[in-house]
Amino acid sequence: MEFLGQKTLPHGTTFDGTVVGGLSGITYDPDRRLYYVICDDRSVRGSARFYTVRIALSVSGIRDVKIVDVQSLLDVSGKPFGRDDPDHQPAVIAPDPEGIAFDVARQQLYWSSEGFNTLDPWIRIAGLDGGHRGEFCLPGNLTLSRDQRRGARPNGSLEGLALSPDGRFLYAAMEDPLWEDGDRAHAGGGALIRITKFDVECRKPVAQYGYQVESAPPGTEGNGVSDIVAVSDDVLLVMERAGSRKLKLQVRLFRADLTGATDISGFDSVPSSVPPLPKRPVADLAAIPALGTPDNVEGLTLGPVLPDGRRSMVLVSDDNFSDRQISQFLAFAL
C-alpha cells in the first residue's frame, strides 16, 4: 500500500438539510464513478441515510471531495425510520447503520445495522433511491443479546460488509465477539470475531469463519473490526480499529485468506482447536508519517484503477458529530 493523500470535510458541513457526519461505511460504483457513504445518525438530526460522493482521485492524491446527493434509507413501509411516529424521537426506533456494499450487477445496496435498543441487527437491501428491497436471513447467533450470555453484544455486531468480486457472496463481519466466544480484545489479549458468508441469491447464510483480532495496542482500551473489503473471491482485507476515551486511535489492515477456511457455524462457542482465518499485516496507519494521526476510521472500499495500473482504495472516518473529531477521506494505491 502507498498513501496518496487525504481530504477533510469541515465540521458541521450540511447538505440538503442534513448534517454531514457519522460516516461509517463506504462503497464504490464504478459505472457512475461515485461513492456511497452510509451515515449512522440515530438522532433528531435526521434518519438513517447515505450520501453520494464524488471524489477527484489520482496518483497525486485527493483533489476534491464533493457531496452530490443524500438519500434516506427507507423502512418496509417506504418511509424514513422514525419520521412516521410523532410520539417518538428517531433515536428511539431508528437502526444503527454501519456497513454498506454496492452490487454492480443488481444495481442495489446492501447495508447493515448493528442493532439498537429493541432492534436486532440486520442486513437489508436498498435501491439507489433508498427504497427497501428485502432482507437477508441472519443466523440465530447474531441476534442481539438480551441476557449478556449468548448472542451479539450491543454496539458490537454487524460492522463491515463486503461483496465478493463475482457477486455471489456477501461477507458480514462482527466488530466484537459473540458473548459465548469470549471477551473483547483488550491490552492483555486478542479476541475471536465471526465473519458470516451469505449467498446473495437466496439471502441466507452458508458459512461462518473465525477471525482473530489483535490485542489492543498500548494507549488504547479495546480493538475490533470496523470494516472489510473483498480484494478477490478468496481474500478479504480486514480493518481493525483500536481507540480510547482520549481519542487515541490506531488503525491497522490485515489480509485474511478464505481458502480452505473452517466453517464454524455449527459451534455455539468456537473451541481453541479450530484455527481462525490465516492473516498477515498489510499496513499500520499510525506508522505513515505523511498521513499524520488517523481519526475514527470506520469504512473502506476499493476504488477505480489508477492511471499507472494500480487499484485505489479509499477509507473514511466517523466524526460522531463531534467537533473533537473529523470526517476524513484517505486514499491509497494497492
Protein backbone atom coordinates (compact mmCIF):
# COMPACT_ATOMS: atom_id res chain seq x y z
CA MET A 1 0.00 0.00 0.00
CA GLU A 2 1.10 3.53 -0.80
CA PHE A 3 -0.55 6.51 0.90
CA LEU A 4 -1.68 9.03 -1.73
CA GLY A 5 -3.35 11.77 0.28
CA GLN A 6 -6.35 12.87 2.29
CA LYS A 7 -9.17 15.38 2.39
CA THR A 8 -11.20 16.51 5.40
CA LEU A 9 -14.74 17.89 5.42
CA PRO A 10 -15.23 20.95 7.66
CA HIS A 11 -17.04 20.15 10.89
CA GLY A 12 -20.74 20.95 10.66
CA THR A 13 -20.89 20.64 6.87
CA THR A 14 -24.52 20.48 5.77
CA PHE A 15 -26.18 19.12 2.63
CA ASP A 16 -29.86 19.28 1.72
CA GLY A 17 -30.90 19.98 5.29
CA THR A 18 -28.74 17.26 6.88
CA VAL A 19 -25.56 17.49 8.93
CA VAL A 20 -22.79 15.52 7.24
CA GLY A 21 -21.11 13.28 9.80
CA GLY A 22 -21.22 9.82 11.30
CA LEU A 23 -19.72 8.37 8.10
CA SER A 24 -19.41 4.69 8.96
CA GLY A 25 -19.04 2.83 5.67
CA ILE A 26 -18.19 3.48 2.03
CA THR A 27 -18.61 1.61 -1.27
CA TYR A 28 -17.76 2.41 -4.90
CA ASP A 29 -19.97 2.48 -8.01
CA PRO A 30 -17.59 2.00 -10.97
CA ASP A 31 -20.16 2.73 -13.69
CA ARG A 32 -21.11 6.14 -12.28
CA ARG A 33 -17.67 6.74 -10.71
CA LEU A 34 -19.38 7.65 -7.44
CA TYR A 35 -19.10 6.55 -3.83
CA TYR A 36 -21.99 5.76 -1.48
CA VAL A 37 -21.22 6.62 2.15
CA ILE A 38 -23.53 5.45 4.93
CA CYS A 39 -24.34 7.62 7.95
CA ASP A 40 -25.06 6.14 11.39
CA ASP A 41 -27.11 9.11 12.61
CA ARG A 42 -29.75 7.99 15.14
CA SER A 43 -30.60 11.44 16.47
CA VAL A 44 -33.14 14.14 15.65
CA ARG A 45 -30.67 15.48 13.03
CA GLY A 46 -32.13 13.04 10.54
CA SER A 47 -32.93 9.44 9.77
CA ALA A 48 -30.64 6.65 8.56
CA ARG A 49 -29.23 7.75 5.22
CA PHE A 50 -26.40 7.51 2.74
CA TYR A 51 -24.58 10.22 0.81
CA THR A 52 -23.49 10.06 -2.81
CA VAL A 53 -19.98 11.46 -3.05
CA ARG A 54 -17.72 12.35 -5.98
CA ILE A 55 -14.01 12.05 -5.18
CA ALA A 56 -11.41 13.51 -7.54
CA LEU A 57 -8.64 10.97 -7.10
CA SER A 58 -5.28 10.49 -8.82
CA VAL A 59 -1.79 9.19 -8.06
CA SER A 60 -1.13 12.66 -6.65
CA GLY A 61 -3.84 12.31 -4.01
CA ILE A 62 -7.38 13.56 -3.45
CA ARG A 63 -8.04 16.90 -5.16
CA ASP A 64 -11.64 17.26 -4.03
CA VAL A 65 -14.49 15.57 -2.18
CA LYS A 66 -17.95 16.73 -3.20
CA ILE A 67 -21.30 15.53 -1.86
CA VAL A 68 -23.81 15.39 -4.71
CA ASP A 69 -26.85 13.67 -3.16
CA VAL A 70 -28.37 12.26 0.02
CA GLN A 71 -30.98 9.51 0.31
CA SER A 72 -32.85 8.30 3.36
CA LEU A 73 -32.82 4.54 3.87
CA LEU A 74 -36.49 3.62 3.96
CA ASP A 75 -38.29 1.03 6.07
CA VAL A 76 -40.58 -1.68 4.72
CA SER A 77 -43.48 0.79 4.54
CA GLY A 78 -41.48 3.15 2.33
CA LYS A 79 -40.94 5.81 4.99
CA PRO A 80 -37.75 7.11 6.65
CA PHE A 81 -37.07 5.49 10.00
CA GLY A 82 -38.60 7.39 12.91
CA ARG A 83 -40.33 10.04 10.80
CA ASP A 84 -43.76 8.35 10.80
CA ASP A 85 -44.23 8.28 14.58
CA PRO A 86 -44.74 11.76 16.11
CA ASP A 87 -44.71 10.33 19.65
CA HIS A 88 -41.13 9.04 19.44
CA GLN A 89 -37.79 10.58 18.63
CA PRO A 90 -35.93 8.87 15.75
CA ALA A 91 -33.20 7.82 18.19
CA VAL A 92 -35.66 5.54 19.97
CA ILE A 93 -36.73 3.45 17.00
CA ALA A 94 -34.01 4.04 14.39
CA PRO A 95 -31.40 1.47 13.32
CA ASP A 96 -27.64 1.89 13.68
CA PRO A 97 -26.26 1.76 10.11
CA GLU A 98 -22.62 0.67 9.86
CA GLY A 99 -21.76 -1.32 6.71
CA ILE A 100 -22.59 -0.73 3.05
CA ALA A 101 -21.75 -2.59 -0.17
CA PHE A 102 -22.83 -1.84 -3.75
CA ASP A 103 -23.81 -4.65 -6.12
CA VAL A 104 -22.93 -3.56 -9.66
CA ALA A 105 -24.75 -6.43 -11.39
CA ARG A 106 -28.01 -6.00 -9.47
CA GLN A 107 -27.74 -2.20 -9.08
CA GLN A 108 -28.57 -2.24 -5.39
CA LEU A 109 -27.05 -1.62 -1.99
CA TYR A 110 -26.62 -3.95 0.97
CA TRP A 111 -26.50 -2.21 4.34
CA SER A 112 -26.17 -3.43 7.89
CA SER A 113 -27.43 -2.21 11.23
CA GLU A 114 -25.72 -3.50 14.33
CA GLY A 115 -28.89 -3.22 16.38
CA PHE A 116 -30.01 -0.55 18.78
CA ASN A 117 -32.36 -0.57 21.78
CA THR A 118 -35.00 -3.17 20.87
CA LEU A 119 -33.90 -3.62 17.24
CA ASP A 120 -31.88 -6.72 16.36
CA PRO A 121 -29.01 -6.49 13.84
CA TRP A 122 -29.95 -6.84 10.20
CA ILE A 123 -28.68 -6.76 6.63
CA ARG A 124 -31.14 -5.11 4.29
CA ILE A 125 -31.26 -4.39 0.57
CA ALA A 126 -31.96 -0.92 -0.81
CA GLY A 127 -32.25 0.66 -4.22
CA LEU A 128 -30.24 3.74 -5.06
CA ASP A 129 -33.37 5.71 -4.15
CA GLY A 130 -33.15 4.28 -0.61
CA GLY A 131 -36.25 2.11 -1.12
CA HIS A 132 -36.50 -1.19 0.74
CA ARG A 133 -35.94 -4.26 -1.48
CA GLY A 134 -35.65 -7.07 1.01
CA GLU A 135 -33.60 -8.51 3.86
CA PHE A 136 -31.08 -11.29 4.49
CA CYS A 137 -31.85 -14.12 6.89
CA LEU A 138 -29.36 -13.90 9.75
CA PRO A 139 -28.14 -16.93 11.71
CA GLY A 140 -29.63 -17.19 15.19
CA ASN A 141 -26.35 -16.44 16.95
CA LEU A 142 -26.28 -12.89 15.55
CA THR A 143 -29.41 -11.89 17.49
CA LEU A 144 -28.77 -9.06 19.95
CA SER A 145 -28.07 -10.43 23.42
CA ARG A 146 -30.79 -9.88 25.99
CA ASP A 147 -29.02 -11.56 28.93
CA GLN A 148 -25.31 -10.88 28.20
CA ARG A 149 -24.60 -14.60 27.93
CA ARG A 150 -25.44 -15.52 24.34
CA GLY A 151 -25.56 -13.68 21.03
CA ALA A 152 -24.27 -10.36 19.79
CA ARG A 153 -23.05 -7.56 22.01
CA PRO A 154 -24.90 -4.23 21.78
CA ASN A 155 -22.93 -1.80 19.61
CA GLY A 156 -20.57 -4.62 18.65
CA SER A 157 -22.24 -6.72 16.00
CA LEU A 158 -22.54 -6.25 12.20
CA GLU A 159 -19.93 -3.61 11.42
CA GLY A 160 -18.48 -4.40 7.98
CA LEU A 161 -19.88 -5.67 4.66
CA ALA A 162 -18.07 -6.88 1.56
CA LEU A 163 -19.40 -8.31 -1.71
CA SER A 164 -17.22 -10.87 -3.45
CA PRO A 165 -15.97 -9.68 -6.87
CA ASP A 166 -18.02 -12.38 -8.62
CA GLY A 167 -21.16 -11.04 -6.88
CA ARG A 168 -22.17 -14.44 -5.49
CA PHE A 169 -21.44 -13.93 -1.80
CA LEU A 170 -21.79 -11.19 0.80
CA TYR A 171 -19.49 -11.23 3.83
CA ALA A 172 -20.55 -9.60 7.11
CA ALA A 173 -18.02 -9.02 9.89
CA MET A 174 -18.75 -8.58 13.58
CA GLU A 175 -16.99 -5.77 15.43
CA ASP A 176 -16.70 -7.76 18.68
CA PRO A 177 -17.04 -11.43 19.67
CA LEU A 178 -20.32 -13.08 20.48
CA TRP A 179 -20.75 -13.39 24.25
CA GLU A 180 -20.17 -17.14 24.07
CA ASP A 181 -16.94 -16.66 22.06
CA GLY A 182 -15.18 -14.75 24.84
CA ASP A 183 -14.12 -11.26 25.85
CA ARG A 184 -13.48 -8.28 23.62
CA ALA A 185 -9.92 -7.65 22.51
CA HIS A 186 -8.00 -5.72 25.18
CA ALA A 187 -4.41 -4.87 26.11
CA GLY A 188 -3.88 -8.35 27.52
CA GLY A 189 -5.13 -10.37 24.57
CA GLY A 190 -6.99 -10.56 21.30
CA ALA A 191 -10.46 -11.87 20.50
CA LEU A 192 -12.24 -14.12 18.03
CA ILE A 193 -14.93 -12.49 15.92
CA ARG A 194 -17.14 -14.14 13.31
CA ILE A 195 -17.39 -13.34 9.62
CA THR A 196 -20.60 -14.71 8.09
CA LYS A 197 -20.83 -15.68 4.42
CA PHE A 198 -24.21 -15.23 2.70
CA ASP A 199 -25.46 -16.47 -0.64
CA VAL A 200 -26.74 -13.33 -2.36
CA GLU A 201 -29.37 -15.10 -4.47
CA CYS A 202 -31.14 -16.91 -1.64
CA ARG A 203 -30.14 -14.31 1.02
CA LYS A 204 -29.22 -17.00 3.52
CA PRO A 205 -26.02 -17.74 5.48
CA VAL A 206 -23.87 -20.56 4.12
CA ALA A 207 -20.86 -20.42 6.47
CA GLN A 208 -19.17 -18.61 9.33
CA TYR A 209 -15.44 -18.12 9.81
CA GLY A 210 -13.39 -17.19 12.84
CA TYR A 211 -11.09 -14.18 12.59
CA GLN A 212 -8.57 -13.42 15.34
CA VAL A 213 -8.46 -9.73 16.28
CA GLU A 214 -5.16 -8.42 17.63
CA SER A 215 -4.81 -7.29 21.25
CA ALA A 216 -5.32 -3.59 21.87
CA PRO A 217 -2.13 -1.56 21.26
CA PRO A 218 -0.54 0.45 24.10
CA GLY A 219 -2.54 3.57 24.93
CA THR A 220 -5.83 2.15 23.66
CA GLU A 221 -8.59 0.39 25.55
CA GLY A 222 -10.06 -2.00 23.01
CA ASN A 223 -9.79 -3.29 19.47
CA GLY A 224 -12.33 -4.55 16.94
CA VAL A 225 -13.11 -4.94 13.26
CA SER A 226 -14.52 -1.77 11.70
CA ASP A 227 -14.85 -2.85 8.04
CA ILE A 228 -13.84 -5.40 5.41
CA VAL A 229 -13.42 -5.44 1.64
CA ALA A 230 -13.07 -8.41 -0.73
CA VAL A 231 -9.97 -7.94 -2.89
CA SER A 232 -10.66 -11.30 -4.58
CA ASP A 233 -13.16 -14.13 -4.20
CA ASP A 234 -10.91 -15.74 -1.57
CA VAL A 235 -9.15 -12.82 0.12
CA LEU A 236 -10.51 -10.18 2.48
CA LEU A 237 -8.81 -7.02 3.61
CA VAL A 238 -9.81 -6.52 7.25
CA MET A 239 -9.57 -3.20 9.07
CA GLU A 240 -9.00 -3.29 12.83
CA ARG A 241 -9.54 -0.10 14.82
CA ALA A 242 -8.44 0.45 18.39
CA GLY A 243 -9.26 3.50 20.47
CA SER A 244 -9.74 5.01 23.91
CA ARG A 245 -11.79 7.65 25.69
CA LYS A 246 -8.97 10.12 24.99
CA LEU A 247 -9.42 9.50 21.25
CA LYS A 248 -6.03 7.90 20.78
CA LEU A 249 -6.66 5.72 17.74
CA GLN A 250 -4.76 3.06 15.89
CA VAL A 251 -5.95 1.60 12.61
CA ARG A 252 -4.34 -1.50 11.07
CA LEU A 253 -5.12 -3.50 7.94
CA PHE A 254 -4.71 -7.27 7.58
CA ARG A 255 -5.04 -9.72 4.72
CA ALA A 256 -7.24 -12.73 5.59
CA ASP A 257 -7.30 -15.83 3.38
CA LEU A 258 -10.57 -17.77 3.00
CA THR A 259 -9.03 -20.66 1.05
CA GLY A 260 -9.84 -23.90 2.87
CA ALA A 261 -11.30 -22.00 5.83
CA THR A 262 -13.11 -23.94 8.57
CA ASP A 263 -16.86 -23.33 8.82
CA ILE A 264 -17.63 -22.59 12.50
CA SER A 265 -21.37 -22.00 12.12
CA GLY A 266 -22.09 -25.28 13.91
CA PHE A 267 -20.26 -24.24 17.09
CA ASP A 268 -22.09 -22.38 19.86
CA SER A 269 -18.66 -21.30 21.04
CA VAL A 270 -15.54 -21.88 18.99
CA PRO A 271 -13.09 -24.41 20.50
CA SER A 272 -9.42 -23.47 20.61
CA SER A 273 -8.60 -26.42 18.37
CA VAL A 274 -10.35 -24.76 15.40
CA PRO A 275 -7.92 -22.44 13.57
CA PRO A 276 -9.02 -18.91 12.66
CA LEU A 277 -8.53 -17.48 9.18
CA PRO A 278 -4.86 -17.15 8.22
CA LYS A 279 -3.92 -13.47 8.30
CA ARG A 280 -0.91 -11.24 7.82
CA PRO A 281 -0.37 -7.50 8.39
CA VAL A 282 -0.66 -5.11 5.47
CA ALA A 283 -0.43 -1.60 6.95
CA ASP A 284 -0.45 0.37 10.18
CA LEU A 285 -1.88 3.83 9.54
CA ALA A 286 -0.14 5.24 12.61
CA ALA A 287 3.22 4.36 11.00
CA ILE A 288 2.64 6.53 7.90
CA PRO A 289 4.29 9.92 8.64
CA ALA A 290 2.62 11.75 5.75
CA LEU A 291 -0.83 10.76 7.00
CA GLY A 292 -0.49 12.21 10.47
CA THR A 293 -2.92 10.94 13.06
CA PRO A 294 -5.80 8.86 11.69
CA ASP A 295 -9.20 9.68 13.13
CA ASN A 296 -12.04 7.24 13.85
CA VAL A 297 -11.65 5.36 10.55
CA GLU A 298 -14.62 3.03 10.05
CA GLY A 299 -15.08 2.40 6.32
CA LEU A 300 -13.01 1.25 3.36
CA THR A 301 -13.64 0.38 -0.27
CA LEU A 302 -11.73 -0.42 -3.42
CA GLY A 303 -11.92 2.47 -5.87
CA PRO A 304 -11.04 2.92 -9.55
CA VAL A 305 -7.91 1.65 -11.26
CA LEU A 306 -5.31 4.42 -11.29
CA PRO A 307 -3.55 5.56 -14.50
CA ASP A 308 -0.44 3.61 -13.50
CA GLY A 309 -2.43 0.36 -13.28
CA ARG A 310 -2.67 0.10 -9.51
CA ARG A 311 -6.02 -0.19 -7.73
CA SER A 312 -7.08 2.67 -5.48
CA MET A 313 -8.59 2.24 -2.04
CA VAL A 314 -10.49 4.89 -0.07
CA LEU A 315 -11.06 4.99 3.70
CA VAL A 316 -13.48 7.23 5.60
CA SER A 317 -13.74 8.23 9.26
CA ASP A 318 -16.75 8.71 11.53
CA ASP A 319 -16.60 12.00 13.46
CA ASN A 320 -19.52 11.02 15.73
CA PHE A 321 -20.85 14.55 15.04
CA SER A 322 -18.20 15.83 17.48
CA ASP A 323 -16.06 18.93 17.00
CA ARG A 324 -13.19 16.93 18.54
CA GLN A 325 -13.14 14.57 15.55
CA ILE A 326 -13.15 14.87 11.76
CA SER A 327 -14.75 13.39 8.64
CA GLN A 328 -11.59 12.24 6.90
CA PHE A 329 -11.18 10.64 3.45
CA LEU A 330 -7.90 8.77 2.92
CA ALA A 331 -6.63 7.44 -0.43
CA PHE A 332 -4.16 4.60 -1.03
CA ALA A 333 -2.82 2.68 -4.01
CA LEU A 334 -2.55 -1.11 -3.96
